Amino acid sequence: MSSYISVNYGAIYPLLKRREERNYIAVVTEEAREVGCSRKIYEITEKGRDRWHQKMLEHPKESWIKSRYRFLIKFLFFSDLEPAERIKLIEHRLMVCKLRQEYIQSKKTENIQVEPYQF
């Protein structure tokens, strides 16, 4: 598992534009450049903070790999959550891991070969 997240520049700028249109972020300053597009510096709005908080607490149905990465991202931003919310996220992750462990054990019991990459 990688220790960084790769961002596609072709995806980040349209994403920033959509977030700005939805009032989740706002341009603080815009610096003109001699060549190319201007440089924008954004800040998160109150509506954006509320949305961020909401997204931090949700548990979408997704693959084992995606859920692992999602939890790691949330873990990086634990300071944005109240202690009780952090505990809920950790408890949810623990439950997901236990379910995954039970699934792997059931496959081994059924003599089904489980590939190591699935862990």
N, C-alpha and C. Protein backbone atom coordinates (compact mmCIF):
# COMPACT_ATOMS: atom_id res chain seq x y z
N MET A 1 0.85 -1.18 0.00
CA MET A 1 0.00 0.00 0.00
C MET A 1 0.90 1.24 0.00
N SER A 2 0.56 2.18 -0.81
CA SER A 2 1.32 3.41 -0.94
C SER A 2 1.07 4.34 0.24
N SER A 3 2.05 5.19 0.51
CA SER A 3 1.91 6.13 1.63
C SER A 3 1.52 7.53 1.16
N TYR A 4 1.10 7.65 -0.08
CA TYR A 4 0.65 8.95 -0.59
C TYR A 4 -0.53 8.75 -1.52
N ILE A 5 -1.19 9.84 -1.80
CA ILE A 5 -2.35 9.80 -2.69
C ILE A 5 -1.97 10.53 -3.97
N SER A 6 -2.20 9.90 -5.09
CA SER A 6 -1.89 10.51 -6.37
C SER A 6 -3.12 11.29 -6.86
N VAL A 7 -2.88 12.50 -7.33
CA VAL A 7 -3.97 13.33 -7.83
C VAL A 7 -3.75 13.61 -9.31
N ASN A 8 -4.78 13.39 -10.09
CA ASN A 8 -4.75 13.65 -11.51
C ASN A 8 -5.10 15.13 -11.72
N TYR A 9 -4.21 15.91 -12.30
CA TYR A 9 -4.46 17.33 -12.50
C TYR A 9 -5.67 17.59 -13.40
N GLY A 10 -5.96 16.66 -14.30
CA GLY A 10 -7.13 16.80 -15.15
C GLY A 10 -8.43 16.67 -14.37
N ALA A 11 -8.35 16.13 -13.15
CA ALA A 11 -9.53 15.97 -12.30
C ALA A 11 -9.61 17.05 -11.22
N ILE A 12 -8.47 17.54 -10.77
CA ILE A 12 -8.46 18.46 -9.62
C ILE A 12 -9.06 19.82 -9.97
N TYR A 13 -8.75 20.36 -11.14
CA TYR A 13 -9.25 21.69 -11.48
C TYR A 13 -10.75 21.72 -11.72
N PRO A 14 -11.33 20.75 -12.42
CA PRO A 14 -12.79 20.71 -12.52
C PRO A 14 -13.44 20.51 -11.14
N LEU A 15 -12.80 19.73 -10.28
CA LEU A 15 -13.32 19.53 -8.93
C LEU A 15 -13.32 20.84 -8.14
N LEU A 16 -12.23 21.59 -8.22
CA LEU A 16 -12.18 22.89 -7.54
C LEU A 16 -13.27 23.82 -8.07
N LYS A 17 -13.47 23.81 -9.37
CA LYS A 17 -14.49 24.67 -9.98
C LYS A 17 -15.88 24.29 -9.46
N ARG A 18 -16.18 22.99 -9.39
CA ARG A 18 -17.49 22.55 -8.87
C ARG A 18 -17.66 22.92 -7.41
N ARG A 19 -16.61 22.78 -6.63
CA ARG A 19 -16.68 23.14 -5.21
C ARG A 19 -16.91 24.64 -5.03
N GLU A 20 -16.29 25.42 -5.90
CA GLU A 20 -16.48 26.87 -5.85
C GLU A 20 -17.92 27.22 -6.24
N GLU A 21 -18.44 26.58 -7.28
CA GLU A 21 -19.82 26.84 -7.72
C GLU A 21 -20.84 26.47 -6.64
N ARG A 22 -20.53 25.46 -5.84
CA ARG A 22 -21.44 25.02 -4.77
C ARG A 22 -21.20 25.77 -3.46
N ASN A 23 -20.28 26.73 -3.50
CA ASN A 23 -19.96 27.56 -2.34
C ASN A 23 -19.32 26.76 -1.18
N TYR A 24 -18.57 25.71 -1.52
CA TYR A 24 -17.83 24.97 -0.51
C TYR A 24 -16.45 25.59 -0.29
N ILE A 25 -15.95 26.25 -1.34
CA ILE A 25 -14.69 26.98 -1.25
C ILE A 25 -14.86 28.34 -1.91
N ALA A 26 -13.98 29.27 -1.58
CA ALA A 26 -14.02 30.60 -2.19
C ALA A 26 -12.60 31.05 -2.51
N VAL A 27 -12.46 31.79 -3.59
CA VAL A 27 -11.15 32.32 -3.96
C VAL A 27 -10.80 33.46 -3.01
N VAL A 28 -9.63 33.37 -2.39
CA VAL A 28 -9.14 34.41 -1.48
C VAL A 28 -8.35 35.44 -2.28
N THR A 29 -7.43 34.95 -3.09
CA THR A 29 -6.65 35.82 -3.96
C THR A 29 -6.46 35.14 -5.31
N GLU A 30 -6.29 35.98 -6.31
CA GLU A 30 -6.01 35.48 -7.65
C GLU A 30 -4.84 36.29 -8.19
N GLU A 31 -3.78 35.58 -8.52
CA GLU A 31 -2.57 36.23 -9.00
C GLU A 31 -2.44 36.04 -10.50
N ALA A 32 -2.34 37.13 -11.22
CA ALA A 32 -2.16 37.05 -12.67
C ALA A 32 -0.74 36.56 -12.97
N ARG A 33 -0.61 35.83 -14.06
CA ARG A 33 0.69 35.32 -14.49
C ARG A 33 0.96 35.80 -15.91
N GLU A 34 2.23 35.91 -16.24
CA GLU A 34 2.60 36.32 -17.59
C GLU A 34 2.22 35.26 -18.62
N VAL A 35 2.34 34.00 -18.21
CA VAL A 35 2.05 32.88 -19.11
C VAL A 35 1.06 31.95 -18.42
N GLY A 36 0.07 31.48 -19.15
CA GLY A 36 -0.86 30.50 -18.60
C GLY A 36 -1.97 31.14 -17.78
N CYS A 37 -2.67 30.29 -17.08
CA CYS A 37 -3.79 30.73 -16.26
C CYS A 37 -3.32 31.43 -14.99
N SER A 38 -4.22 32.21 -14.42
CA SER A 38 -3.89 32.87 -13.16
C SER A 38 -3.85 31.83 -12.04
N ARG A 39 -3.17 32.19 -10.97
CA ARG A 39 -3.05 31.30 -9.81
C ARG A 39 -4.10 31.72 -8.79
N LYS A 40 -4.92 30.75 -8.36
CA LYS A 40 -5.96 31.04 -7.37
C LYS A 40 -5.61 30.38 -6.05
N ILE A 41 -5.90 31.10 -4.99
CA ILE A 41 -5.74 30.55 -3.65
C ILE A 41 -7.13 30.51 -3.03
N TYR A 42 -7.50 29.32 -2.55
CA TYR A 42 -8.85 29.10 -2.03
C TYR A 42 -8.84 28.99 -0.51
N GLU A 43 -10.03 29.23 0.06
CA GLU A 43 -10.25 28.90 1.46
C GLU A 43 -11.60 28.20 1.56
N ILE A 44 -11.73 27.38 2.58
CA ILE A 44 -12.98 26.65 2.76
C ILE A 44 -14.01 27.58 3.39
N THR A 45 -15.24 27.48 2.94
CA THR A 45 -16.33 28.30 3.48
C THR A 45 -17.00 27.55 4.64
N GLU A 46 -17.89 28.22 5.33
CA GLU A 46 -18.63 27.57 6.42
C GLU A 46 -19.46 26.41 5.85
N LYS A 47 -20.08 26.62 4.71
CA LYS A 47 -20.84 25.56 4.05
C LYS A 47 -19.91 24.39 3.70
N GLY A 48 -18.70 24.72 3.27
CA GLY A 48 -17.71 23.69 2.95
C GLY A 48 -17.28 22.91 4.18
N ARG A 49 -17.12 23.60 5.30
CA ARG A 49 -16.77 22.92 6.56
C ARG A 49 -17.87 21.96 6.98
N ASP A 50 -19.11 22.39 6.84
CA ASP A 50 -20.24 21.52 7.18
C ASP A 50 -20.25 20.28 6.28
N ARG A 51 -20.01 20.49 4.99
CA ARG A 51 -19.98 19.37 4.03
C ARG A 51 -18.83 18.43 4.35
N TRP A 52 -17.66 18.97 4.67
CA TRP A 52 -16.49 18.17 5.04
C TRP A 52 -16.81 17.31 6.26
N HIS A 53 -17.42 17.91 7.25
CA HIS A 53 -17.77 17.19 8.47
C HIS A 53 -18.74 16.05 8.15
N GLN A 54 -19.72 16.33 7.33
CA GLN A 54 -20.70 15.32 6.92
C GLN A 54 -20.00 14.16 6.21
N LYS A 55 -19.10 14.46 5.27
CA LYS A 55 -18.39 13.42 4.52
C LYS A 55 -17.46 12.61 5.42
N MET A 56 -16.89 13.24 6.42
CA MET A 56 -16.01 12.53 7.36
C MET A 56 -16.78 11.46 8.14
N LEU A 57 -18.06 11.70 8.40
CA LEU A 57 -18.84 10.79 9.24
C LEU A 57 -19.60 9.72 8.45
N GLU A 58 -19.65 9.82 7.14
CA GLU A 58 -20.43 8.84 6.38
C GLU A 58 -19.62 7.58 6.12
N HIS A 59 -20.35 6.51 5.86
CA HIS A 59 -19.75 5.20 5.59
C HIS A 59 -20.36 4.62 4.32
N PRO A 60 -19.90 5.06 3.15
CA PRO A 60 -20.50 4.54 1.92
C PRO A 60 -20.16 3.06 1.71
N LYS A 61 -21.03 2.36 1.02
CA LYS A 61 -20.78 0.96 0.68
C LYS A 61 -19.76 0.97 -0.45
N GLU A 62 -18.60 0.38 -0.20
CA GLU A 62 -17.54 0.38 -1.19
C GLU A 62 -16.64 -0.82 -1.00
N SER A 63 -15.69 -1.00 -1.88
CA SER A 63 -14.79 -2.14 -1.82
C SER A 63 -13.90 -2.07 -0.58
N TRP A 64 -13.32 -3.21 -0.26
CA TRP A 64 -12.41 -3.30 0.89
C TRP A 64 -11.24 -2.32 0.72
N ILE A 65 -10.66 -2.28 -0.46
CA ILE A 65 -9.51 -1.41 -0.71
C ILE A 65 -9.90 0.06 -0.57
N LYS A 66 -11.00 0.47 -1.19
CA LYS A 66 -11.43 1.87 -1.09
C LYS A 66 -11.75 2.26 0.34
N SER A 67 -12.38 1.36 1.08
CA SER A 67 -12.73 1.69 2.47
C SER A 67 -11.48 1.87 3.31
N ARG A 68 -10.44 1.11 3.01
CA ARG A 68 -9.17 1.25 3.74
C ARG A 68 -8.56 2.63 3.47
N TYR A 69 -8.51 3.02 2.21
CA TYR A 69 -7.96 4.33 1.86
C TYR A 69 -8.81 5.46 2.45
N ARG A 70 -10.13 5.30 2.38
CA ARG A 70 -11.02 6.33 2.93
C ARG A 70 -10.76 6.51 4.43
N PHE A 71 -10.60 5.40 5.14
CA PHE A 71 -10.34 5.50 6.58
C PHE A 71 -9.00 6.19 6.84
N LEU A 72 -7.98 5.86 6.06
CA LEU A 72 -6.67 6.50 6.26
C LEU A 72 -6.75 8.01 6.04
N ILE A 73 -7.51 8.44 5.06
CA ILE A 73 -7.69 9.88 4.84
C ILE A 73 -8.40 10.51 6.03
N LYS A 74 -9.45 9.85 6.48
CA LYS A 74 -10.18 10.37 7.65
C LYS A 74 -9.27 10.43 8.86
N PHE A 75 -8.44 9.42 9.02
CA PHE A 75 -7.52 9.38 10.15
C PHE A 75 -6.57 10.58 10.12
N LEU A 76 -6.12 10.96 8.95
CA LEU A 76 -5.23 12.12 8.81
C LEU A 76 -5.89 13.41 9.31
N PHE A 77 -7.22 13.46 9.23
CA PHE A 77 -7.96 14.66 9.61
C PHE A 77 -8.78 14.46 10.88
N PHE A 78 -8.35 13.55 11.75
CA PHE A 78 -9.08 13.30 12.99
C PHE A 78 -9.24 14.56 13.84
N SER A 79 -8.32 15.49 13.74
CA SER A 79 -8.42 16.71 14.55
C SER A 79 -9.64 17.54 14.18
N ASP A 80 -10.23 17.29 13.01
CA ASP A 80 -11.45 18.00 12.61
C ASP A 80 -12.70 17.44 13.28
N LEU A 81 -12.55 16.34 14.01
CA LEU A 81 -13.70 15.67 14.63
C LEU A 81 -13.64 15.76 16.15
N GLU A 82 -14.81 15.64 16.73
CA GLU A 82 -14.91 15.56 18.19
C GLU A 82 -14.44 14.17 18.64
N PRO A 83 -13.95 14.05 19.88
CA PRO A 83 -13.48 12.73 20.35
C PRO A 83 -14.52 11.61 20.18
N ALA A 84 -15.78 11.88 20.46
CA ALA A 84 -16.81 10.84 20.32
C ALA A 84 -16.97 10.42 18.86
N GLU A 85 -16.81 11.37 17.93
CA GLU A 85 -16.92 11.05 16.50
C GLU A 85 -15.73 10.21 16.06
N ARG A 86 -14.55 10.51 16.61
CA ARG A 86 -13.37 9.71 16.29
C ARG A 86 -13.56 8.27 16.74
N ILE A 87 -14.10 8.11 17.93
CA ILE A 87 -14.33 6.76 18.46
C ILE A 87 -15.31 6.00 17.57
N LYS A 88 -16.37 6.67 17.13
CA LYS A 88 -17.35 6.03 16.24
C LYS A 88 -16.68 5.57 14.94
N LEU A 89 -15.82 6.40 14.37
CA LEU A 89 -15.13 6.02 13.14
C LEU A 89 -14.22 4.82 13.37
N ILE A 90 -13.50 4.82 14.48
CA ILE A 90 -12.60 3.70 14.79
C ILE A 90 -13.41 2.43 15.03
N GLU A 91 -14.51 2.55 15.75
CA GLU A 91 -15.37 1.37 16.00
C GLU A 91 -15.93 0.83 14.69
N HIS A 92 -16.34 1.72 13.80
CA HIS A 92 -16.86 1.28 12.50
C HIS A 92 -15.77 0.56 11.72
N ARG A 93 -14.56 1.12 11.70
CA ARG A 93 -13.46 0.48 10.97
C ARG A 93 -13.14 -0.89 11.56
N LEU A 94 -13.16 -0.99 12.87
CA LEU A 94 -12.91 -2.27 13.53
C LEU A 94 -13.96 -3.30 13.12
N MET A 95 -15.22 -2.88 13.08
CA MET A 95 -16.30 -3.78 12.67
C MET A 95 -16.08 -4.26 11.23
N VAL A 96 -15.71 -3.33 10.33
CA VAL A 96 -15.47 -3.68 8.93
C VAL A 96 -14.31 -4.68 8.83
N CYS A 97 -13.27 -4.46 9.61
CA CYS A 97 -12.11 -5.37 9.59
C CYS A 97 -12.50 -6.76 10.12
N LYS A 98 -13.30 -6.80 11.15
CA LYS A 98 -13.75 -8.09 11.69
C LYS A 98 -14.60 -8.84 10.66
N LEU A 99 -15.48 -8.12 9.99
CA LEU A 99 -16.29 -8.75 8.94
C LEU A 99 -15.42 -9.29 7.81
N ARG A 100 -14.42 -8.54 7.45
CA ARG A 100 -13.49 -8.97 6.40
C ARG A 100 -12.74 -10.22 6.85
N GLN A 101 -12.30 -10.23 8.09
CA GLN A 101 -11.60 -11.38 8.64
C GLN A 101 -12.50 -12.63 8.64
N GLU A 102 -13.75 -12.46 9.02
CA GLU A 102 -14.70 -13.57 9.00
C GLU A 102 -14.91 -14.09 7.58
N TYR A 103 -14.99 -13.18 6.64
CA TYR A 103 -15.16 -13.57 5.24
C TYR A 103 -13.96 -14.40 4.77
N ILE A 104 -12.76 -13.93 5.04
CA ILE A 104 -11.54 -14.65 4.63
C ILE A 104 -11.51 -16.03 5.29
N GLN A 105 -11.84 -16.10 6.57
CA GLN A 105 -11.85 -17.38 7.28
C GLN A 105 -12.87 -18.34 6.68
N SER A 106 -14.04 -17.81 6.30
CA SER A 106 -15.07 -18.68 5.71
C SER A 106 -14.60 -19.26 4.38
N LYS A 107 -13.86 -18.48 3.62
CA LYS A 107 -13.34 -18.98 2.34
C LYS A 107 -12.29 -20.06 2.57
N LYS A 108 -11.47 -19.88 3.59
CA LYS A 108 -10.46 -20.89 3.91
C LYS A 108 -11.13 -22.18 4.37
N THR A 109 -12.20 -22.04 5.14
CA THR A 109 -12.94 -23.20 5.63
C THR A 109 -13.56 -23.97 4.47
N GLU A 110 -13.98 -23.25 3.44
CA GLU A 110 -14.58 -23.86 2.25
C GLU A 110 -13.52 -24.37 1.28
N ASN A 111 -12.25 -24.29 1.70
CA ASN A 111 -11.11 -24.69 0.86
C ASN A 111 -11.02 -23.91 -0.44
N ILE A 112 -11.41 -22.66 -0.37
CA ILE A 112 -11.29 -21.77 -1.53
C ILE A 112 -9.99 -20.98 -1.36
N GLN A 113 -9.16 -21.02 -2.39
CA GLN A 113 -7.88 -20.31 -2.33
C GLN A 113 -8.12 -18.81 -2.26
N VAL A 114 -7.55 -18.17 -1.25
CA VAL A 114 -7.66 -16.73 -1.09
C VAL A 114 -6.32 -16.10 -1.44
N GLU A 115 -6.34 -15.17 -2.37
CA GLU A 115 -5.11 -14.52 -2.82
C GLU A 115 -4.63 -13.53 -1.75
N PRO A 116 -3.33 -13.49 -1.49
CA PRO A 116 -2.78 -12.58 -0.47
C PRO A 116 -3.09 -11.10 -0.73
N TYR A 117 -3.21 -10.72 -2.00
CA TYR A 117 -3.47 -9.31 -2.32
C TYR A 117 -4.83 -8.85 -1.82
N GLN A 118 -5.71 -9.79 -1.48
CA GLN A 118 -7.05 -9.43 -1.01
C GLN A 118 -7.05 -8.95 0.42
N PHE A 119 -5.96 -9.13 1.12
CA PHE A 119 -5.92 -8.70 2.51
C PHE A 119 -5.67 -7.23 2.55
